[in-house]
């Protein structure tokens, strides 16, 4: 294949679109409906080329095409860019919509990162509004090179050095029904895009913020890349090729992690003893895979090394607790357990709730205890008439409290009950107790006092559902 043809914008765009799996586009498939795709259209050179390529392609297919613009309000020319995008789409008869986003960086967040997050959130919302299942962005080869160099400077591993993939998920979206993200120009240089745009006499806007070298990506584009190109002409193609090699390596590491997951998992927990048999590299690889499956940002190498040391060297009864943003990783006996920190579910319960009575409700929300009491009709349970007469209250966990829940087994402390059921100590602190007066009637995760249970009509089973 002619090398120039291989990276020509039109040829590359159509090649990528035709190679997209049928699960994304089902052209010509029996019963397939008219597909819909959208362009993330900023009005700049790259997205302007993408817009015209997509229009020509959609005209040959049973396809609806939309253009979506995000107004960040960061530049004084933002309103002019919006007007340009709207007018261009009107001339091309492409349905156009836009969204204004407000950027409120949190502590430690940069404007670029917040803008990117809000941009993708807004684009996803518009895709869902218009029934679009594929969002196209104008990322090109130079963007890929800049991304890889930025990751290299951060000391990233294989996943980071993989750069961007042609087909993937929208950043921040873990819903399987979310639109797919497609980058059909990833193998095309910006120079080739500019040449094609000039040939077709396209009009576009220039974002002067791209010249501001205070931003890392701009510094690489304006300062580093030209310098590298002087020493290594055509280095961009080689860096982009390295990213493809890294993507292949990353897929192999994920496959290995899936194999190790099958060997080491126990439900959603990981068996530390089996993980230790893998060796450090495979331990770390599986640990990263597990964290990623829970949607957590990848920790640093230093954090991972320290975590591995603590988890493997700890005594079996040690209370190892590793904090990550939005979650806590714990070791319980020989298992590694993931615990999401949920502000709606308190870590420590109040000593005692305000007294209340049951009036026949199927559910009672107990917000300060982080859940709901359930009352379900059964043939063997607590007498509903008796229960209505009681002054009830929820209380916090007490390991020394005792409860008998089985006719043939002895009375045990709550601590013994929970240990027998494998409930970790930190989870016990979140499980409330239900009292009838001063009498312990029910313990979440254990059951109801057996002397309050009988066979007959109008009986109730008590349960607990956390928020």
Protein backbone atom coordinates (compact mmCIF):
# COMPACT_ATOMS: atom_id res chain seq x y z
CA UNK A 1 0.00 0.00 0.00
CA UNK A 2 1.23 3.48 -0.89
CA UNK A 3 2.52 5.09 2.34
CA UNK A 4 1.11 8.51 1.46
CA UNK A 5 -2.30 6.98 0.76
CA UNK A 6 -2.23 5.01 4.00
CA UNK A 7 -2.10 8.21 6.06
CA UNK A 8 -4.25 10.43 3.83
CA UNK A 9 -7.13 11.87 5.89
CA UNK A 10 -9.93 10.59 3.64
CA UNK A 11 -8.48 7.10 3.23
CA UNK A 12 -7.63 6.71 6.92
CA UNK A 13 -11.03 8.01 8.05
CA UNK A 14 -12.94 5.58 5.85
CA UNK A 15 -10.60 2.69 6.70
CA UNK A 16 -11.21 3.18 10.43
CA UNK A 17 -14.97 3.62 10.07
CA UNK A 18 -15.29 0.49 7.95
CA UNK A 19 -13.22 -1.55 10.42
CA UNK A 20 -15.28 -0.59 13.48
CA UNK A 21 -16.81 -3.75 15.03
CA UNK A 22 -20.43 -4.56 14.23
CA UNK A 23 -21.34 -4.06 17.90
CA UNK A 24 -20.71 -0.34 17.30
CA UNK A 25 -21.96 0.09 13.74
CA UNK A 26 -24.16 -2.58 12.13
CA UNK A 27 -24.25 -1.37 8.52
CA UNK A 28 -25.98 -3.84 6.25
CA UNK A 29 -26.78 -6.23 9.07
CA UNK A 30 -30.28 -7.81 9.03
CA UNK A 31 -32.65 -5.59 10.99
CA UNK A 32 -30.05 -2.88 11.53
CA UNK A 33 -31.46 0.59 12.10
CA UNK A 34 -30.15 3.91 10.87
CA UNK A 35 -26.99 4.61 12.86
CA UNK A 36 -26.12 7.93 14.48
CA UNK A 37 -22.73 9.45 15.17
CA UNK A 38 -21.63 12.83 16.47
CA UNK A 39 -18.57 15.03 16.08
CA UNK A 40 -16.93 16.82 18.98
CA UNK A 41 -16.63 20.06 17.04
CA UNK A 42 -14.53 22.87 18.50
CA UNK A 43 -14.19 24.81 15.24
CA UNK A 44 -10.41 24.34 15.08
CA UNK A 45 -8.46 22.88 12.18
CA UNK A 46 -8.58 19.26 13.34
CA UNK A 47 -12.29 19.06 14.12
CA UNK A 48 -13.14 21.05 10.97
CA UNK A 49 -11.44 18.40 8.83
CA UNK A 50 -13.22 15.69 10.82
CA UNK A 51 -16.58 17.41 10.32
CA UNK A 52 -16.24 17.48 6.52
CA UNK A 53 -14.94 13.91 6.34
CA UNK A 54 -17.82 12.69 8.48
CA UNK A 55 -20.37 14.58 6.39
CA UNK A 56 -19.13 12.95 3.18
CA UNK A 57 -19.08 9.52 4.80
CA UNK A 58 -22.53 9.82 6.39
CA UNK A 59 -24.02 10.81 3.03
CA UNK A 60 -23.03 7.38 1.67
CA UNK A 61 -24.51 5.48 4.60
CA UNK A 62 -27.90 5.21 6.29
CA UNK A 63 -26.53 7.42 9.04
CA UNK A 64 -27.51 10.51 11.03
CA UNK A 65 -24.72 12.95 11.82
CA UNK A 66 -24.62 15.56 14.60
CA UNK A 67 -22.07 18.17 15.63
CA UNK A 68 -21.69 19.03 19.33
CA UNK A 69 -19.79 22.05 20.62
CA UNK A 70 -18.65 22.74 24.19
CA UNK A 71 -18.48 26.38 25.32
CA UNK A 72 -15.98 26.53 28.20
CA UNK A 73 -16.03 30.32 28.48
CA UNK A 74 -12.27 30.35 29.12
CA UNK A 75 -11.39 32.48 26.11
CA UNK A 76 -12.74 35.93 25.20
CA UNK A 77 -13.38 34.56 21.70
CA UNK A 78 -15.52 31.66 22.93
CA UNK A 79 -18.76 33.26 21.72
CA UNK A 80 -17.24 33.87 18.29
CA UNK A 81 -16.16 30.22 18.07
CA UNK A 82 -19.67 29.10 18.95
CA UNK A 83 -21.12 31.33 16.23
CA UNK A 84 -18.60 30.00 13.69
CA UNK A 85 -19.48 26.38 14.52
CA UNK A 86 -23.22 27.02 14.33
CA UNK A 87 -22.94 28.85 10.99
CA UNK A 88 -20.72 26.17 9.46
CA UNK A 89 -23.13 23.42 10.44
CA UNK A 90 -26.08 25.41 9.06
CA UNK A 91 -24.27 25.73 5.72
CA UNK A 92 -23.57 21.98 5.69
CA UNK A 93 -27.10 21.14 6.97
CA UNK A 94 -25.62 19.19 9.90
CA UNK A 95 -27.74 19.22 13.10
CA UNK A 96 -25.84 21.24 15.69
CA UNK A 97 -26.08 21.63 19.44
CA UNK A 98 -23.86 23.08 22.14
CA UNK A 99 -23.46 23.10 25.90
CA UNK A 100 -22.00 25.74 28.21
CA UNK A 101 -19.95 24.27 31.05
CA UNK A 102 -18.75 25.92 34.23
CA UNK A 103 -15.33 24.97 35.54
CA UNK A 104 -14.87 24.77 39.29
CA UNK A 105 -11.49 23.14 39.99
CA UNK A 106 -11.24 21.39 43.33
CA UNK A 107 -8.22 21.34 45.57
CA UNK A 108 -5.20 20.06 43.64
CA UNK A 109 -7.05 20.03 40.29
CA UNK A 110 -5.79 21.85 37.19
CA UNK A 111 -8.01 23.78 34.81
CA UNK A 112 -7.07 21.48 31.92
CA UNK A 113 -8.12 18.33 33.78
CA UNK A 114 -11.41 19.86 34.95
CA UNK A 115 -12.18 21.21 31.47
CA UNK A 116 -11.54 17.78 29.97
CA UNK A 117 -13.79 16.06 32.52
CA UNK A 118 -16.65 18.53 32.09
CA UNK A 119 -16.29 18.47 28.30
CA UNK A 120 -16.67 14.71 28.07
CA UNK A 121 -19.55 14.71 30.57
CA UNK A 122 -21.41 17.28 28.47
CA UNK A 123 -20.68 15.44 25.21
CA UNK A 124 -21.92 12.18 26.72
CA UNK A 125 -25.14 13.84 27.86
CA UNK A 126 -25.79 15.24 24.38
CA UNK A 127 -25.06 11.85 22.78
CA UNK A 128 -27.67 10.24 25.01
CA UNK A 129 -30.14 13.04 24.33
CA UNK A 130 -29.94 12.50 20.56
CA UNK A 131 -29.58 8.71 20.55
CA UNK A 132 -25.96 8.79 19.37
CA UNK A 133 -23.93 5.64 20.01
CA UNK A 134 -20.54 6.81 18.63
CA UNK A 135 -18.71 10.06 19.40
CA UNK A 136 -15.88 11.02 17.03
CA UNK A 137 -13.00 13.19 18.16
CA UNK A 138 -10.27 14.74 16.00
CA UNK A 139 -7.25 13.43 17.91
CA UNK A 140 -4.40 12.88 15.46
CA UNK A 141 -0.88 11.52 15.38
CA UNK A 142 0.72 14.62 16.87
CA UNK A 143 -1.73 14.45 19.79
CA UNK A 144 -0.74 10.82 20.32
CA UNK A 145 2.95 11.70 20.36
CA UNK A 146 2.39 14.51 22.86
CA UNK A 147 0.36 12.19 25.09
CA UNK A 148 3.07 9.51 25.09
CA UNK A 149 5.82 12.05 25.83
CA UNK A 150 3.79 13.53 28.69
CA UNK A 151 3.26 10.06 30.17
CA UNK A 152 6.95 9.26 29.74
CA UNK A 153 7.91 12.38 31.68
CA UNK A 154 5.56 11.25 34.47
CA UNK A 155 7.27 7.87 34.67
CA UNK A 156 4.17 6.02 33.47
CA UNK A 157 4.06 2.28 32.92
CA UNK A 158 2.81 0.24 29.99
CA UNK A 159 -0.80 1.46 30.27
CA UNK A 160 0.19 5.13 30.30
CA UNK A 161 2.66 4.76 27.44
CA UNK A 162 -0.07 3.13 25.35
CA UNK A 163 -1.44 6.59 24.67
CA UNK A 164 -4.87 6.79 23.09
CA UNK A 165 -6.61 3.94 21.30
CA UNK A 166 -8.65 4.35 18.13
CA UNK A 167 -11.78 2.86 19.72
CA UNK A 168 -12.54 3.02 23.41
CA UNK A 169 -14.83 4.32 26.10
CA UNK A 170 -15.46 7.95 26.93
CA UNK A 171 -13.22 9.01 29.85
CA UNK A 172 -15.12 8.90 33.13
CA UNK A 173 -17.87 6.64 31.76
CA UNK A 174 -18.12 3.09 33.09
CA UNK A 175 -21.69 2.45 31.89
CA UNK A 176 -21.68 -0.30 29.26
CA UNK A 177 -24.51 1.51 27.47
CA UNK A 178 -22.48 4.73 27.19
CA UNK A 179 -21.50 5.95 23.70
CA UNK A 180 -18.26 4.63 22.23
CA UNK A 181 -15.37 7.03 21.58
CA UNK A 182 -13.79 6.79 18.12
CA UNK A 183 -10.59 8.55 17.00
CA UNK A 184 -10.46 7.90 13.23
CA UNK A 185 -7.56 10.31 12.53
CA UNK A 186 -5.13 8.97 15.11
CA UNK A 187 -2.67 7.77 12.41
CA UNK A 188 -2.82 11.06 10.45
CA UNK A 189 -0.36 13.89 11.11
CA UNK A 190 -1.49 17.43 11.77
CA UNK A 191 0.53 18.48 8.72
CA UNK A 192 -1.55 16.16 6.53
CA UNK A 193 -4.77 17.54 8.03
CA UNK A 194 -3.63 21.13 7.38
CA UNK A 195 -2.73 20.32 3.78
CA UNK A 196 -6.12 18.72 3.14
CA UNK A 197 -7.96 21.62 4.80
CA UNK A 198 -6.11 24.14 2.63
CA UNK A 199 -6.81 22.09 -0.49
CA UNK A 200 -10.54 22.07 0.32
CA UNK A 201 -10.52 25.77 1.32
CA UNK A 202 -11.93 25.04 4.76
CA UNK A 203 -12.39 27.80 7.31
CA UNK A 204 -11.52 27.26 10.95
CA UNK A 205 -10.78 29.19 14.14
CA UNK A 206 -7.42 29.49 15.89
CA UNK A 207 -7.20 29.03 19.65
CA UNK A 208 -4.40 31.32 20.82
CA UNK A 209 -4.22 29.44 24.15
CA UNK A 210 -2.47 26.63 22.24
CA UNK A 211 0.60 28.91 22.13
CA UNK A 212 0.79 29.24 25.92
CA UNK A 213 3.78 27.09 26.90
CA UNK A 214 2.83 27.21 30.59
CA UNK A 215 0.69 24.20 29.76
CA UNK A 216 2.72 20.99 29.47
CA UNK A 217 1.12 19.79 26.23
CA UNK A 218 1.71 23.14 24.56
CA UNK A 219 5.33 23.19 25.75
CA UNK A 220 5.89 19.77 24.17
CA UNK A 221 4.19 20.87 20.95
CA UNK A 222 5.98 24.22 20.67
CA UNK A 223 9.39 23.47 22.19
CA UNK A 224 10.17 19.77 22.62
CA UNK A 225 8.71 18.23 19.45
CA UNK A 226 10.51 20.60 17.04
CA UNK A 227 13.79 19.95 18.86
CA UNK A 228 13.34 16.16 18.64
CA UNK A 229 12.35 16.45 15.00
CA UNK A 230 15.63 18.25 14.27
CA UNK A 231 17.65 15.37 15.70
CA UNK A 232 15.31 12.54 14.69
CA UNK A 233 13.35 13.47 11.55
CA UNK A 234 10.03 11.60 11.42
CA UNK A 235 10.24 10.64 15.09
CA UNK A 236 6.47 11.09 15.40
CA UNK A 237 5.73 7.95 13.39
CA UNK A 238 8.11 5.92 15.54
CA UNK A 239 6.65 7.21 18.81
CA UNK A 240 3.14 6.44 17.55
CA UNK A 241 4.31 2.96 16.57
CA UNK A 242 5.76 2.46 20.06
CA UNK A 243 2.34 3.37 21.48
CA UNK A 244 0.81 0.57 19.40
CA UNK A 245 3.40 -1.86 20.80
CA UNK A 246 2.52 -0.70 24.31
CA UNK A 247 -1.19 -1.19 23.61
CA UNK A 248 -0.44 -4.78 22.58
CA UNK A 249 1.64 -5.32 25.73
CA UNK A 250 -1.12 -3.79 27.86
CA UNK A 251 -3.68 -6.20 26.42
CA UNK A 252 -1.38 -9.13 27.19
CA UNK A 253 -0.93 -7.92 30.77
CA UNK A 254 -4.71 -7.67 31.15
CA UNK A 255 -5.12 -11.20 29.84
CA UNK A 256 -2.53 -12.42 32.35
CA UNK A 257 -4.34 -10.50 35.12
CA UNK A 258 -7.63 -12.17 34.17
CA UNK A 259 -5.96 -15.59 34.42
CA UNK A 260 -4.49 -14.69 37.81
CA UNK A 261 -7.86 -13.31 38.91
CA UNK A 262 -9.47 -16.69 38.23
CA UNK A 263 -6.77 -18.30 40.34
CA UNK A 264 -6.78 -15.84 43.24
CA UNK A 265 -10.24 -14.40 43.68
CA UNK A 266 -12.79 -15.41 46.27
CA UNK A 267 -15.95 -13.60 45.29
CA UNK A 268 -14.90 -9.99 44.91
CA UNK A 269 -12.01 -10.43 47.37
CA UNK A 270 -8.48 -11.56 46.56
CA UNK A 271 -6.69 -14.39 48.35
CA UNK A 272 -3.40 -12.95 49.66
CA UNK A 273 -1.78 -16.37 50.06
CA UNK A 274 -2.39 -17.25 46.41
CA UNK A 275 -1.31 -13.80 45.28
CA UNK A 276 1.99 -14.18 47.14
CA UNK A 277 2.72 -17.28 45.05
CA UNK A 278 2.59 -15.18 41.85
CA UNK A 279 5.73 -13.16 42.55
CA UNK A 280 5.96 -9.39 42.88
CA UNK A 281 5.42 -8.43 39.24
CA UNK A 282 2.29 -10.50 38.77
CA UNK A 283 1.06 -9.48 42.24
CA UNK A 284 1.31 -5.81 41.21
CA UNK A 285 -0.27 -6.50 37.83
CA UNK A 286 -3.26 -8.27 39.40
CA UNK A 287 -3.58 -5.61 42.09
CA UNK A 288 -3.71 -2.85 39.43
CA UNK A 289 -6.25 -4.87 37.43
CA UNK A 290 -8.43 -5.24 40.54
CA UNK A 291 -8.24 -1.53 41.40
CA UNK A 292 -9.05 -0.58 37.81
CA UNK A 293 -12.08 -2.89 37.85
CA UNK A 294 -13.35 -0.81 40.79
CA UNK A 295 -12.82 2.42 38.85
CA UNK A 296 -9.92 3.69 40.97
CA UNK A 297 -7.14 5.88 39.66
CA UNK A 298 -3.85 3.99 39.39
CA UNK A 299 -1.63 4.58 42.44
CA UNK A 300 2.05 5.44 42.22
CA UNK A 301 4.72 2.75 42.07
CA UNK A 302 5.90 3.74 45.56
CA UNK A 303 2.37 3.36 46.97
CA UNK A 304 1.99 -0.01 45.30
CA UNK A 305 5.31 -1.28 46.65
CA UNK A 306 4.50 -0.14 50.19
CA UNK A 307 1.00 -1.65 49.94
CA UNK A 308 2.39 -5.00 48.81
CA UNK A 309 4.87 -5.04 51.70
CA UNK A 310 2.17 -4.27 54.28
CA UNK A 311 -0.31 -6.77 52.88
CA UNK A 312 2.13 -9.66 52.57
CA UNK A 313 4.08 -9.14 55.78
CA UNK A 314 1.14 -8.47 58.09
CA UNK A 315 0.03 -10.99 60.70
CA UNK A 316 -3.21 -12.77 59.86
CA UNK A 317 -5.07 -10.90 62.60
CA UNK A 318 -3.55 -7.49 61.74
CA UNK A 319 -5.94 -4.70 60.74
CA UNK A 320 -4.20 -3.49 57.55
CA UNK A 321 -5.93 -0.45 56.05
CA UNK A 322 -4.77 1.25 52.84
CA UNK A 323 -6.48 4.46 51.79
CA UNK A 324 -7.08 5.45 48.18
CA UNK A 325 -9.21 8.25 46.79
CA UNK A 326 -12.81 7.15 47.34
CA UNK A 327 -11.96 3.73 48.76
CA UNK A 328 -10.18 1.74 51.43
CA UNK A 329 -8.29 -1.52 50.82
CA UNK A 330 -8.16 -3.86 53.82
CA UNK A 331 -6.73 -7.23 54.69
CA UNK A 332 -9.08 -9.53 56.58
CA UNK A 333 -7.64 -12.92 57.51
CA UNK A 334 -6.10 -14.01 54.20
CA UNK A 335 -8.30 -11.87 51.96
CA UNK A 336 -7.84 -8.51 50.31
CA UNK A 337 -11.14 -6.61 50.56
CA UNK A 338 -12.30 -3.50 48.70
CA UNK A 339 -14.42 -1.03 50.65
CA UNK A 340 -15.86 2.01 48.90
CA UNK A 341 -16.13 5.04 51.15
CA UNK A 342 -19.77 6.07 50.97
CA UNK A 343 -20.68 9.33 52.70
CA UNK A 344 -24.31 8.14 52.86
CA UNK A 345 -23.28 5.14 54.93
CA UNK A 346 -21.69 6.30 58.20
CA UNK A 347 -18.49 4.65 59.39
CA UNK A 348 -19.57 4.93 63.02
CA UNK A 349 -23.17 4.57 64.15
CA UNK A 350 -24.87 6.61 66.89
CA UNK A 351 -25.07 4.89 70.26
CA UNK A 352 -28.87 4.82 70.17
CA UNK A 353 -31.60 6.21 67.91
CA UNK A 354 -34.65 8.09 69.07
CA UNK A 355 -37.40 5.67 70.21
CA UNK A 356 -39.97 4.76 67.55
CA UNK A 357 -42.83 2.32 66.95
CA UNK A 358 -43.61 0.07 64.01
CA UNK A 359 -46.94 0.89 62.37
CA UNK A 360 -47.00 -1.89 59.79
CA UNK A 361 -44.57 -0.34 57.27
CA UNK A 362 -42.66 -2.66 54.93
CA UNK A 363 -39.62 -0.35 55.15
CA UNK A 364 -38.39 2.22 57.62
CA UNK A 365 -35.58 4.52 56.52
CA UNK A 366 -32.98 5.04 59.24
CA UNK A 367 -30.77 7.68 57.62
CA UNK A 368 -28.42 8.28 60.57
CA UNK A 369 -27.66 4.54 60.60
CA UNK A 370 -27.13 4.43 56.84
CA UNK A 371 -29.89 2.08 55.72
CA UNK A 372 -33.42 0.76 56.03
CA UNK A 373 -35.19 -1.69 58.32
CA UNK A 374 -37.27 -4.24 56.39
CA UNK A 375 -40.43 -5.95 57.66
CA UNK A 376 -41.52 -8.93 55.55
CA UNK A 377 -44.60 -11.15 56.14
CA UNK A 378 -43.59 -14.80 56.80
CA UNK A 379 -45.04 -17.93 58.37
CA UNK A 380 -42.36 -18.07 61.07
CA UNK A 381 -41.18 -14.85 62.61
CA UNK A 382 -41.98 -12.11 65.13
CA UNK A 383 -45.64 -11.70 66.09
CA UNK A 384 -46.75 -8.51 64.30
CA UNK A 385 -49.24 -7.59 67.04
CA UNK A 386 -46.56 -7.84 69.71
CA UNK A 387 -44.11 -5.87 67.56
CA UNK A 388 -46.57 -2.98 67.15
CA UNK A 389 -46.74 -2.61 70.95
CA UNK A 390 -42.98 -2.31 71.45
CA UNK A 391 -40.90 0.84 71.89
CA UNK A 392 -38.10 0.24 69.40
CA UNK A 393 -34.68 1.81 68.98
CA UNK A 394 -31.59 1.15 66.89
CA UNK A 395 -28.21 0.93 68.57
CA UNK A 396 -24.55 0.64 67.65
CA UNK A 397 -22.59 -2.61 67.57
CA UNK A 398 -21.46 -4.06 70.88
CA UNK A 399 -19.24 -7.12 70.70
CA UNK A 400 -20.12 -8.17 74.24
CA UNK A 401 -23.88 -8.19 73.62
CA UNK A 402 -25.30 -11.72 73.39
CA UNK A 403 -27.91 -13.21 71.08
CA UNK A 404 -29.38 -16.67 70.56
CA UNK A 405 -30.69 -17.15 67.02
CA UNK A 406 -30.90 -20.93 66.78
CA UNK A 407 -32.87 -23.36 68.92
CA UNK A 408 -30.15 -26.03 68.96
CA UNK A 409 -27.10 -23.78 69.26
CA UNK A 410 -25.94 -21.89 72.36
CA UNK A 411 -26.20 -18.18 73.07
CA UNK A 412 -23.16 -16.35 71.70
CA UNK A 413 -21.68 -12.90 71.86
CA UNK A 414 -22.19 -10.77 68.77
CA UNK A 415 -18.43 -10.79 68.23
CA UNK A 416 -18.47 -14.60 68.07
CA UNK A 417 -21.45 -14.57 65.69
CA UNK A 418 -19.73 -12.18 63.30
CA UNK A 419 -16.40 -14.02 63.46
CA UNK A 420 -18.20 -17.24 62.63
CA UNK A 421 -19.80 -15.57 59.60
CA UNK A 422 -16.53 -14.01 58.46
CA UNK A 423 -17.76 -10.42 58.90
CA UNK A 424 -14.72 -8.12 59.29
CA UNK A 425 -14.46 -5.92 62.38
CA UNK A 426 -14.88 -2.67 60.42
CA UNK A 427 -18.10 -3.93 58.81
CA UNK A 428 -19.53 -4.83 62.21
CA UNK A 429 -19.31 -1.17 63.18
CA UNK A 430 -21.81 -0.39 60.41
CA UNK A 431 -24.36 -3.05 61.33
CA UNK A 432 -27.04 -1.77 63.71
CA UNK A 433 -28.84 -3.58 66.50
CA UNK A 434 -32.62 -3.34 67.02
CA UNK A 435 -33.87 -3.17 70.60
CA UNK A 436 -37.39 -3.65 71.97
CA UNK A 437 -37.05 -1.65 75.15
CA UNK A 438 -33.74 -2.88 76.57
CA UNK A 439 -34.10 -6.30 74.97
CA UNK A 440 -31.88 -7.09 71.95
CA UNK A 441 -34.37 -8.18 69.30
CA UNK A 442 -32.36 -8.23 66.07
CA UNK A 443 -28.74 -7.86 64.91
CA UNK A 444 -28.09 -6.97 61.26
CA UNK A 445 -26.10 -9.69 59.54
CA UNK A 446 -27.02 -12.26 62.22
CA UNK A 447 -30.78 -12.45 62.72
CA UNK A 448 -33.60 -12.24 65.24
CA UNK A 449 -33.58 -13.50 68.83
CA UNK A 450 -35.02 -17.03 68.67
CA UNK A 451 -37.22 -16.52 71.74
CA UNK A 452 -39.10 -13.80 69.81
CA UNK A 453 -39.76 -16.07 66.83
CA UNK A 454 -42.80 -18.33 66.52
CA UNK A 455 -44.89 -20.13 63.93
CA UNK A 456 -48.33 -18.80 62.99
CA UNK A 457 -50.31 -16.17 61.19
CA UNK A 458 -49.37 -12.50 61.02
CA UNK A 459 -45.64 -13.06 61.54
CA UNK A 460 -42.83 -10.70 60.45
CA UNK A 461 -39.22 -11.26 59.44
CA UNK A 462 -36.96 -8.29 60.25
CA UNK A 463 -34.12 -7.37 57.92
CA UNK A 464 -31.59 -4.61 57.22
CA UNK A 465 -30.52 -3.08 53.90
CA UNK A 466 -27.55 -0.62 53.91
CA UNK A 467 -27.79 2.53 51.78
